[in-house]
Structures are given as structure tokens and as C-alpha cells.
mmCIF file of all heavy atoms, coordinates in Angstrom:
data_MODEL
# 
_entry.id   MODEL 
# 
loop_
_atom_site.group_PDB 
_atom_site.id 
_atom_site.type_symbol 
_atom_site.label_atom_id 
_atom_site.label_alt_id 
_atom_site.label_comp_id 
_atom_site.label_asym_id 
_atom_site.label_entity_id 
_atom_site.label_seq_id 
_atom_site.pdbx_PDB_ins_code 
_atom_site.Cartn_x 
_atom_site.Cartn_y 
_atom_site.Cartn_z 
_atom_site.occupancy 
_atom_site.B_iso_or_equiv 
_atom_site.pdbx_formal_charge 
_atom_site.auth_seq_id 
_atom_site.auth_comp_id 
_atom_site.auth_asym_id 
_atom_site.auth_atom_id 
_atom_site.pdbx_PDB_model_num 
ATOM 1   N N   . PHE A 1 1  ? 83.532  130.803 67.028 1.00 0.00 ? 1  PHE A N   1 
ATOM 2   C CA  . PHE A 1 1  ? 83.164  130.749 65.605 1.00 0.00 ? 1  PHE A CA  1 
ATOM 3   C C   . PHE A 1 1  ? 84.386  131.149 64.846 1.00 0.00 ? 1  PHE A C   1 
ATOM 4   O O   . PHE A 1 1  ? 85.332  131.766 65.292 1.00 0.00 ? 1  PHE A O   1 
ATOM 5   C CB  . PHE A 1 1  ? 82.158  131.916 65.409 1.00 0.00 ? 1  PHE A CB  1 
ATOM 6   C CG  . PHE A 1 1  ? 80.936  131.823 66.210 1.00 0.00 ? 1  PHE A CG  1 
ATOM 7   C CD1 . PHE A 1 1  ? 80.602  132.704 67.148 1.00 0.00 ? 1  PHE A CD1 1 
ATOM 8   C CD2 . PHE A 1 1  ? 80.055  130.715 66.155 1.00 0.00 ? 1  PHE A CD2 1 
ATOM 9   C CE1 . PHE A 1 1  ? 79.315  132.602 67.950 1.00 0.00 ? 1  PHE A CE1 1 
ATOM 10  C CE2 . PHE A 1 1  ? 78.899  130.567 67.027 1.00 0.00 ? 1  PHE A CE2 1 
ATOM 11  C CZ  . PHE A 1 1  ? 78.650  131.428 67.856 1.00 0.00 ? 1  PHE A CZ  1 
ATOM 12  N N   . GLU A 1 2  ? 84.414  130.501 63.607 1.00 0.00 ? 2  GLU A N   1 
ATOM 13  C CA  . GLU A 1 2  ? 85.505  130.669 62.764 1.00 0.00 ? 2  GLU A CA  1 
ATOM 14  C C   . GLU A 1 2  ? 85.852  132.080 62.509 1.00 0.00 ? 2  GLU A C   1 
ATOM 15  O O   . GLU A 1 2  ? 87.148  132.481 62.465 1.00 0.00 ? 2  GLU A O   1 
ATOM 16  C CB  . GLU A 1 2  ? 85.381  129.992 61.457 1.00 0.00 ? 2  GLU A CB  1 
ATOM 17  C CG  . GLU A 1 2  ? 86.519  129.698 60.645 1.00 0.00 ? 2  GLU A CG  1 
ATOM 18  C CD  . GLU A 1 2  ? 87.573  128.868 61.171 1.00 0.00 ? 2  GLU A CD  1 
ATOM 19  O OE1 . GLU A 1 2  ? 87.141  127.821 61.896 1.00 0.00 ? 2  GLU A OE1 1 
ATOM 20  O OE2 . GLU A 1 2  ? 88.727  128.860 60.923 1.00 0.00 ? 2  GLU A OE2 1 
ATOM 21  N N   . CYS A 1 3  ? 84.969  133.059 62.536 1.00 0.00 ? 3  CYS A N   1 
ATOM 22  C CA  . CYS A 1 3  ? 85.212  134.431 62.318 1.00 0.00 ? 3  CYS A CA  1 
ATOM 23  C C   . CYS A 1 3  ? 86.041  135.076 63.416 1.00 0.00 ? 3  CYS A C   1 
ATOM 24  O O   . CYS A 1 3  ? 86.620  136.149 63.380 1.00 0.00 ? 3  CYS A O   1 
ATOM 25  C CB  . CYS A 1 3  ? 84.054  135.353 62.087 1.00 0.00 ? 3  CYS A CB  1 
ATOM 26  S SG  . CYS A 1 3  ? 83.031  135.414 63.664 1.00 0.00 ? 3  CYS A SG  1 
ATOM 27  N N   . GLN A 1 4  ? 86.215  134.335 64.548 1.00 0.00 ? 4  GLN A N   1 
ATOM 28  C CA  . GLN A 1 4  ? 86.924  134.888 65.629 1.00 0.00 ? 4  GLN A CA  1 
ATOM 29  C C   . GLN A 1 4  ? 88.529  134.429 65.583 1.00 0.00 ? 4  GLN A C   1 
ATOM 30  O O   . GLN A 1 4  ? 89.240  134.739 66.466 1.00 0.00 ? 4  GLN A O   1 
ATOM 31  C CB  . GLN A 1 4  ? 86.374  134.291 66.972 1.00 0.00 ? 4  GLN A CB  1 
ATOM 32  C CG  . GLN A 1 4  ? 84.970  134.703 67.291 1.00 0.00 ? 4  GLN A CG  1 
ATOM 33  C CD  . GLN A 1 4  ? 84.290  134.054 68.423 1.00 0.00 ? 4  GLN A CD  1 
ATOM 34  O OE1 . GLN A 1 4  ? 83.546  133.245 68.148 1.00 0.00 ? 4  GLN A OE1 1 
ATOM 35  N NE2 . GLN A 1 4  ? 84.818  134.404 69.556 1.00 0.00 ? 4  GLN A NE2 1 
ATOM 36  N N   . LYS A 1 5  ? 88.860  133.786 64.494 1.00 0.00 ? 5  LYS A N   1 
ATOM 37  C CA  . LYS A 1 5  ? 90.324  133.347 64.397 1.00 0.00 ? 5  LYS A CA  1 
ATOM 38  C C   . LYS A 1 5  ? 91.083  134.527 63.944 1.00 0.00 ? 5  LYS A C   1 
ATOM 39  O O   . LYS A 1 5  ? 90.633  135.343 63.202 1.00 0.00 ? 5  LYS A O   1 
ATOM 40  C CB  . LYS A 1 5  ? 90.359  132.256 63.268 1.00 0.00 ? 5  LYS A CB  1 
ATOM 41  C CG  . LYS A 1 5  ? 91.758  131.636 63.270 1.00 0.00 ? 5  LYS A CG  1 
ATOM 42  C CD  . LYS A 1 5  ? 91.827  130.541 62.308 1.00 0.00 ? 5  LYS A CD  1 
ATOM 43  C CE  . LYS A 1 5  ? 93.299  130.013 62.312 1.00 0.00 ? 5  LYS A CE  1 
ATOM 44  N NZ  . LYS A 1 5  ? 93.657  129.636 60.848 1.00 0.00 ? 5  LYS A NZ  1 
ATOM 45  N N   . TYR A 1 6  ? 92.343  134.580 64.557 1.00 0.00 ? 6  TYR A N   1 
ATOM 46  C CA  . TYR A 1 6  ? 93.175  135.645 64.304 1.00 0.00 ? 6  TYR A CA  1 
ATOM 47  C C   . TYR A 1 6  ? 94.491  135.212 64.001 1.00 0.00 ? 6  TYR A C   1 
ATOM 48  O O   . TYR A 1 6  ? 94.757  134.094 64.545 1.00 0.00 ? 6  TYR A O   1 
ATOM 49  C CB  . TYR A 1 6  ? 93.249  136.657 65.498 1.00 0.00 ? 6  TYR A CB  1 
ATOM 50  C CG  . TYR A 1 6  ? 93.789  137.972 65.199 1.00 0.00 ? 6  TYR A CG  1 
ATOM 51  C CD1 . TYR A 1 6  ? 93.245  139.002 64.642 1.00 0.00 ? 6  TYR A CD1 1 
ATOM 52  C CD2 . TYR A 1 6  ? 95.128  138.356 65.775 1.00 0.00 ? 6  TYR A CD2 1 
ATOM 53  C CE1 . TYR A 1 6  ? 93.762  140.161 64.289 1.00 0.00 ? 6  TYR A CE1 1 
ATOM 54  C CE2 . TYR A 1 6  ? 95.784  139.528 65.440 1.00 0.00 ? 6  TYR A CE2 1 
ATOM 55  C CZ  . TYR A 1 6  ? 95.078  140.461 64.787 1.00 0.00 ? 6  TYR A CZ  1 
ATOM 56  O OH  . TYR A 1 6  ? 95.730  141.598 64.545 1.00 0.00 ? 6  TYR A OH  1 
ATOM 57  N N   . SER A 1 7  ? 95.409  135.770 63.236 1.00 0.00 ? 7  SER A N   1 
ATOM 58  C CA  . SER A 1 7  ? 96.641  135.228 62.821 1.00 0.00 ? 7  SER A CA  1 
ATOM 59  C C   . SER A 1 7  ? 97.601  134.902 63.952 1.00 0.00 ? 7  SER A C   1 
ATOM 60  O O   . SER A 1 7  ? 98.146  133.938 63.995 1.00 0.00 ? 7  SER A O   1 
ATOM 61  C CB  . SER A 1 7  ? 97.391  136.109 61.751 1.00 0.00 ? 7  SER A CB  1 
ATOM 62  O OG  . SER A 1 7  ? 97.516  137.471 62.485 1.00 0.00 ? 7  SER A OG  1 
ATOM 63  N N   . ALA A 1 8  ? 97.686  135.729 64.930 1.00 0.00 ? 8  ALA A N   1 
ATOM 64  C CA  . ALA A 1 8  ? 98.593  135.596 66.002 1.00 0.00 ? 8  ALA A CA  1 
ATOM 65  C C   . ALA A 1 8  ? 98.062  136.398 67.291 1.00 0.00 ? 8  ALA A C   1 
ATOM 66  O O   . ALA A 1 8  ? 98.154  137.620 67.293 1.00 0.00 ? 8  ALA A O   1 
ATOM 67  C CB  . ALA A 1 8  ? 100.084 135.905 65.807 1.00 0.00 ? 8  ALA A CB  1 
ATOM 68  N N   . VAL A 1 9  ? 97.397  135.610 68.260 1.00 0.00 ? 9  VAL A N   1 
ATOM 69  C CA  . VAL A 1 9  ? 96.863  136.392 69.509 1.00 0.00 ? 9  VAL A CA  1 
ATOM 70  C C   . VAL A 1 9  ? 98.095  136.788 70.393 1.00 0.00 ? 9  VAL A C   1 
ATOM 71  O O   . VAL A 1 9  ? 98.989  136.014 70.567 1.00 0.00 ? 9  VAL A O   1 
ATOM 72  C CB  . VAL A 1 9  ? 95.940  135.390 70.257 1.00 0.00 ? 9  VAL A CB  1 
ATOM 73  C CG1 . VAL A 1 9  ? 95.649  135.908 71.535 1.00 0.00 ? 9  VAL A CG1 1 
ATOM 74  C CG2 . VAL A 1 9  ? 94.709  135.049 69.421 1.00 0.00 ? 9  VAL A CG2 1 
ATOM 75  N N   . PRO A 1 10 ? 98.214  137.967 70.771 1.00 0.00 ? 10 PRO A N   1 
ATOM 76  C CA  . PRO A 1 10 ? 99.204  138.419 71.684 1.00 0.00 ? 10 PRO A CA  1 
ATOM 77  C C   . PRO A 1 10 ? 99.093  137.558 73.020 1.00 0.00 ? 10 PRO A C   1 
ATOM 78  O O   . PRO A 1 10 ? 98.052  137.275 73.452 1.00 0.00 ? 10 PRO A O   1 
ATOM 79  C CB  . PRO A 1 10 ? 98.886  139.879 72.079 1.00 0.00 ? 10 PRO A CB  1 
ATOM 80  C CG  . PRO A 1 10 ? 97.745  140.277 71.367 1.00 0.00 ? 10 PRO A CG  1 
ATOM 81  C CD  . PRO A 1 10 ? 97.127  138.933 70.511 1.00 0.00 ? 10 PRO A CD  1 
ATOM 82  N N   . VAL A 1 11 ? 100.187 137.122 73.474 1.00 0.00 ? 11 VAL A N   1 
ATOM 83  C CA  . VAL A 1 11 ? 100.282 136.224 74.621 1.00 0.00 ? 11 VAL A CA  1 
ATOM 84  C C   . VAL A 1 11 ? 101.173 136.699 75.770 1.00 0.00 ? 11 VAL A C   1 
ATOM 85  O O   . VAL A 1 11 ? 102.231 137.208 75.507 1.00 0.00 ? 11 VAL A O   1 
ATOM 86  C CB  . VAL A 1 11 ? 100.904 134.778 74.234 1.00 0.00 ? 11 VAL A CB  1 
ATOM 87  C CG1 . VAL A 1 11 ? 100.971 133.804 75.391 1.00 0.00 ? 11 VAL A CG1 1 
ATOM 88  C CG2 . VAL A 1 11 ? 100.085 134.124 73.098 1.00 0.00 ? 11 VAL A CG2 1 
ATOM 89  N N   . ASP A 1 12 ? 100.649 136.776 77.053 1.00 0.00 ? 12 ASP A N   1 
ATOM 90  C CA  . ASP A 1 12 ? 101.364 137.221 78.028 1.00 0.00 ? 12 ASP A CA  1 
ATOM 91  C C   . ASP A 1 12 ? 101.673 136.040 78.902 1.00 0.00 ? 12 ASP A C   1 
ATOM 92  O O   . ASP A 1 12 ? 101.310 134.914 78.670 1.00 0.00 ? 12 ASP A O   1 
ATOM 93  C CB  . ASP A 1 12 ? 100.530 138.130 78.985 1.00 0.00 ? 12 ASP A CB  1 
ATOM 94  C CG  . ASP A 1 12 ? 100.133 139.500 78.361 1.00 0.00 ? 12 ASP A CG  1 
ATOM 95  O OD1 . ASP A 1 12 ? 100.971 140.055 77.594 1.00 0.00 ? 12 ASP A OD1 1 
ATOM 96  O OD2 . ASP A 1 12 ? 99.013  140.018 78.573 1.00 0.00 ? 12 ASP A OD2 1 
ATOM 97  N N   . ALA A 1 13 ? 102.601 136.292 79.987 1.00 0.00 ? 13 ALA A N   1 
ATOM 98  C CA  . ALA A 1 13 ? 103.308 135.095 80.677 1.00 0.00 ? 13 ALA A CA  1 
ATOM 99  C C   . ALA A 1 13 ? 102.112 134.297 81.308 1.00 0.00 ? 13 ALA A C   1 
ATOM 100 O O   . ALA A 1 13 ? 102.383 133.087 81.515 1.00 0.00 ? 13 ALA A O   1 
ATOM 101 C CB  . ALA A 1 13 ? 104.272 135.688 81.578 1.00 0.00 ? 13 ALA A CB  1 
ATOM 102 N N   . HIS A 1 14 ? 101.035 135.070 81.707 1.00 0.00 ? 14 HIS A N   1 
ATOM 103 C CA  . HIS A 1 14 ? 100.001 134.272 82.536 1.00 0.00 ? 14 HIS A CA  1 
ATOM 104 C C   . HIS A 1 14 ? 99.047  133.650 81.720 1.00 0.00 ? 14 HIS A C   1 
ATOM 105 O O   . HIS A 1 14 ? 98.126  132.834 82.156 1.00 0.00 ? 14 HIS A O   1 
ATOM 106 C CB  . HIS A 1 14 ? 99.259  135.288 83.435 1.00 0.00 ? 14 HIS A CB  1 
ATOM 107 C CG  . HIS A 1 14 ? 98.562  136.265 82.789 1.00 0.00 ? 14 HIS A CG  1 
ATOM 108 N ND1 . HIS A 1 14 ? 99.155  137.475 82.330 1.00 0.00 ? 14 HIS A ND1 1 
ATOM 109 C CD2 . HIS A 1 14 ? 97.156  136.330 82.300 1.00 0.00 ? 14 HIS A CD2 1 
ATOM 110 C CE1 . HIS A 1 14 ? 98.184  138.267 81.740 1.00 0.00 ? 14 HIS A CE1 1 
ATOM 111 N NE2 . HIS A 1 14 ? 96.957  137.508 81.725 1.00 0.00 ? 14 HIS A NE2 1 
ATOM 112 N N   . ASP A 1 15 ? 99.136  133.846 80.388 1.00 0.00 ? 15 ASP A N   1 
ATOM 113 C CA  . ASP A 1 15 ? 98.054  133.144 79.457 1.00 0.00 ? 15 ASP A CA  1 
ATOM 114 C C   . ASP A 1 15 ? 98.309  131.714 79.181 1.00 0.00 ? 15 ASP A C   1 
ATOM 115 O O   . ASP A 1 15 ? 99.587  131.371 79.087 1.00 0.00 ? 15 ASP A O   1 
ATOM 116 C CB  . ASP A 1 15 ? 98.086  133.956 78.134 1.00 0.00 ? 15 ASP A CB  1 
ATOM 117 C CG  . ASP A 1 15 ? 97.571  135.266 78.224 1.00 0.00 ? 15 ASP A CG  1 
ATOM 118 O OD1 . ASP A 1 15 ? 96.794  135.654 79.022 1.00 0.00 ? 15 ASP A OD1 1 
ATOM 119 O OD2 . ASP A 1 15 ? 98.000  136.076 77.355 1.00 0.00 ? 15 ASP A OD2 1 
ATOM 120 N N   . ILE A 1 16 ? 97.434  130.856 79.229 1.00 0.00 ? 16 ILE A N   1 
ATOM 121 C CA  . ILE A 1 16 ? 97.496  129.298 79.133 1.00 0.00 ? 16 ILE A CA  1 
ATOM 122 C C   . ILE A 1 16 ? 96.849  129.025 77.827 1.00 0.00 ? 16 ILE A C   1 
ATOM 123 O O   . ILE A 1 16 ? 95.563  129.150 77.671 1.00 0.00 ? 16 ILE A O   1 
ATOM 124 C CB  . ILE A 1 16 ? 96.798  128.677 80.260 1.00 0.00 ? 16 ILE A CB  1 
ATOM 125 C CG1 . ILE A 1 16 ? 97.629  129.093 81.611 1.00 0.00 ? 16 ILE A CG1 1 
ATOM 126 C CG2 . ILE A 1 16 ? 96.831  127.104 80.109 1.00 0.00 ? 16 ILE A CG2 1 
ATOM 127 C CD1 . ILE A 1 16 ? 96.905  128.594 82.859 1.00 0.00 ? 16 ILE A CD1 1 
ATOM 128 N N   . PRO A 1 17 ? 97.619  128.448 76.910 1.00 0.00 ? 17 PRO A N   1 
ATOM 129 C CA  . PRO A 1 17 ? 96.927  127.980 75.646 1.00 0.00 ? 17 PRO A CA  1 
ATOM 130 C C   . PRO A 1 17 ? 95.983  126.814 75.979 1.00 0.00 ? 17 PRO A C   1 
ATOM 131 O O   . PRO A 1 17 ? 96.122  126.203 76.956 1.00 0.00 ? 17 PRO A O   1 
ATOM 132 C CB  . PRO A 1 17 ? 98.092  127.544 74.644 1.00 0.00 ? 17 PRO A CB  1 
ATOM 133 C CG  . PRO A 1 17 ? 99.150  127.213 75.724 1.00 0.00 ? 17 PRO A CG  1 
ATOM 134 C CD  . PRO A 1 17 ? 98.944  128.126 76.906 1.00 0.00 ? 17 PRO A CD  1 
ATOM 135 N N   . LEU A 1 18 ? 94.961  126.677 75.139 1.00 0.00 ? 18 LEU A N   1 
ATOM 136 C CA  . LEU A 1 18 ? 93.940  125.544 75.320 1.00 0.00 ? 18 LEU A CA  1 
ATOM 137 C C   . LEU A 1 18 ? 94.515  124.321 74.470 1.00 0.00 ? 18 LEU A C   1 
ATOM 138 O O   . LEU A 1 18 ? 95.412  124.536 73.704 1.00 0.00 ? 18 LEU A O   1 
ATOM 139 C CB  . LEU A 1 18 ? 92.564  126.103 74.702 1.00 0.00 ? 18 LEU A CB  1 
ATOM 140 C CG  . LEU A 1 18 ? 92.035  127.166 75.484 1.00 0.00 ? 18 LEU A CG  1 
ATOM 141 C CD1 . LEU A 1 18 ? 90.727  127.670 74.809 1.00 0.00 ? 18 LEU A CD1 1 
ATOM 142 C CD2 . LEU A 1 18 ? 91.835  126.925 76.960 1.00 0.00 ? 18 LEU A CD2 1 
ATOM 143 N N   . ASP A 1 19 ? 93.999  123.152 74.864 1.00 0.00 ? 19 ASP A N   1 
ATOM 144 C CA  . ASP A 1 19 ? 94.419  122.001 74.254 1.00 0.00 ? 19 ASP A CA  1 
ATOM 145 C C   . ASP A 1 19 ? 93.767  121.895 72.753 1.00 0.00 ? 19 ASP A C   1 
ATOM 146 O O   . ASP A 1 19 ? 94.419  121.562 71.818 1.00 0.00 ? 19 ASP A O   1 
ATOM 147 C CB  . ASP A 1 19 ? 93.979  120.701 75.025 1.00 0.00 ? 19 ASP A CB  1 
ATOM 148 C CG  . ASP A 1 19 ? 94.663  120.619 76.392 1.00 0.00 ? 19 ASP A CG  1 
ATOM 149 O OD1 . ASP A 1 19 ? 95.812  121.129 76.441 1.00 0.00 ? 19 ASP A OD1 1 
ATOM 150 O OD2 . ASP A 1 19 ? 93.980  120.187 77.297 1.00 0.00 ? 19 ASP A OD2 1 
ATOM 151 N N   . ILE A 1 20 ? 92.390  122.253 72.770 1.00 0.00 ? 20 ILE A N   1 
ATOM 152 C CA  . ILE A 1 20 ? 91.738  122.293 71.455 1.00 0.00 ? 20 ILE A CA  1 
ATOM 153 C C   . ILE A 1 20 ? 90.877  123.455 71.392 1.00 0.00 ? 20 ILE A C   1 
ATOM 154 O O   . ILE A 1 20 ? 90.267  123.824 72.410 1.00 0.00 ? 20 ILE A O   1 
ATOM 155 C CB  . ILE A 1 20 ? 90.871  120.923 71.380 1.00 0.00 ? 20 ILE A CB  1 
ATOM 156 C CG1 . ILE A 1 20 ? 91.652  119.743 71.355 1.00 0.00 ? 20 ILE A CG1 1 
ATOM 157 C CG2 . ILE A 1 20 ? 90.042  120.894 70.303 1.00 0.00 ? 20 ILE A CG2 1 
ATOM 158 C CD1 . ILE A 1 20 ? 90.886  118.448 71.601 1.00 0.00 ? 20 ILE A CD1 1 
ATOM 159 N N   . ILE A 1 21 ? 90.591  123.893 70.186 1.00 0.00 ? 21 ILE A N   1 
ATOM 160 C CA  . ILE A 1 21 ? 89.571  124.899 69.942 1.00 0.00 ? 21 ILE A CA  1 
ATOM 161 C C   . ILE A 1 21 ? 88.582  124.269 68.737 1.00 0.00 ? 21 ILE A C   1 
ATOM 162 O O   . ILE A 1 21 ? 89.218  123.943 67.787 1.00 0.00 ? 21 ILE A O   1 
ATOM 163 C CB  . ILE A 1 21 ? 90.124  126.221 69.510 1.00 0.00 ? 21 ILE A CB  1 
ATOM 164 C CG1 . ILE A 1 21 ? 90.920  126.687 70.753 1.00 0.00 ? 21 ILE A CG1 1 
ATOM 165 C CG2 . ILE A 1 21 ? 89.088  127.238 69.220 1.00 0.00 ? 21 ILE A CG2 1 
ATOM 166 C CD1 . ILE A 1 21 ? 91.640  128.101 70.644 1.00 0.00 ? 21 ILE A CD1 1 
ATOM 167 N N   . ILE A 1 22 ? 87.369  124.372 68.905 1.00 0.00 ? 22 ILE A N   1 
ATOM 168 C CA  . ILE A 1 22 ? 86.461  123.799 68.050 1.00 0.00 ? 22 ILE A CA  1 
ATOM 169 C C   . ILE A 1 22 ? 85.614  124.964 67.477 1.00 0.00 ? 22 ILE A C   1 
ATOM 170 O O   . ILE A 1 22 ? 85.062  125.710 68.211 1.00 0.00 ? 22 ILE A O   1 
ATOM 171 C CB  . ILE A 1 22 ? 85.559  122.639 68.607 1.00 0.00 ? 22 ILE A CB  1 
ATOM 172 C CG1 . ILE A 1 22 ? 86.518  121.444 69.016 1.00 0.00 ? 22 ILE A CG1 1 
ATOM 173 C CG2 . ILE A 1 22 ? 84.573  122.130 67.610 1.00 0.00 ? 22 ILE A CG2 1 
ATOM 174 C CD1 . ILE A 1 22 ? 85.847  120.483 69.711 1.00 0.00 ? 22 ILE A CD1 1 
ATOM 175 N N   . THR A 1 23 ? 85.557  125.052 66.156 1.00 0.00 ? 23 THR A N   1 
ATOM 176 C CA  . THR A 1 23 ? 84.616  126.020 65.497 1.00 0.00 ? 23 THR A CA  1 
ATOM 177 C C   . THR A 1 23 ? 83.615  125.247 64.650 1.00 0.00 ? 23 THR A C   1 
ATOM 178 O O   . THR A 1 23 ? 83.615  123.980 64.652 1.00 0.00 ? 23 THR A O   1 
ATOM 179 C CB  . THR A 1 23 ? 85.364  126.981 64.546 1.00 0.00 ? 23 THR A CB  1 
ATOM 180 O OG1 . THR A 1 23 ? 85.795  126.271 63.360 1.00 0.00 ? 23 THR A OG1 1 
ATOM 181 C CG2 . THR A 1 23 ? 86.568  127.564 65.291 1.00 0.00 ? 23 THR A CG2 1 
ATOM 182 N N   . GLU A 1 24 ? 82.772  125.955 64.036 1.00 0.00 ? 24 GLU A N   1 
ATOM 183 C CA  . GLU A 1 24 ? 81.701  125.384 63.338 1.00 0.00 ? 24 GLU A CA  1 
ATOM 184 C C   . GLU A 1 24 ? 82.320  124.576 61.958 1.00 0.00 ? 24 GLU A C   1 
ATOM 185 O O   . GLU A 1 24 ? 81.655  123.737 61.454 1.00 0.00 ? 24 GLU A O   1 
ATOM 186 C CB  . GLU A 1 24 ? 80.727  126.307 62.745 1.00 0.00 ? 24 GLU A CB  1 
ATOM 187 C CG  . GLU A 1 24 ? 81.066  127.287 61.735 1.00 0.00 ? 24 GLU A CG  1 
ATOM 188 C CD  . GLU A 1 24 ? 81.851  128.489 62.189 1.00 0.00 ? 24 GLU A CD  1 
ATOM 189 O OE1 . GLU A 1 24 ? 82.198  128.590 63.448 1.00 0.00 ? 24 GLU A OE1 1 
ATOM 190 O OE2 . GLU A 1 24 ? 82.093  129.480 61.377 1.00 0.00 ? 24 GLU A OE2 1 
ATOM 191 N N   . SER A 1 25 ? 83.547  124.922 61.578 1.00 0.00 ? 25 SER A N   1 
ATOM 192 C CA  . SER A 1 25 ? 84.143  124.306 60.466 1.00 0.00 ? 25 SER A CA  1 
ATOM 193 C C   . SER A 1 25 ? 85.499  123.649 60.628 1.00 0.00 ? 25 SER A C   1 
ATOM 194 O O   . SER A 1 25 ? 85.905  123.126 59.676 1.00 0.00 ? 25 SER A O   1 
ATOM 195 C CB  . SER A 1 25 ? 84.235  125.453 59.383 1.00 0.00 ? 25 SER A CB  1 
ATOM 196 O OG  . SER A 1 25 ? 85.084  126.433 59.712 1.00 0.00 ? 25 SER A OG  1 
# 
């Protein structure tokens, strides 16, 4: 949901970014 967007998510070495994120808007 769009309300789950955050300015900068903390990222660790094992975290893998997604290709796409889809919200309602």
C-alpha cells in the first residue's frame, strides 16, 4: 500500500532490491 512507502529503507548486505513495487496508486 502507498502508506508503506518510506524515504530510505535501511539496507544490509544480504538484502535484495525488487525489480518492481506496485501500490494502489
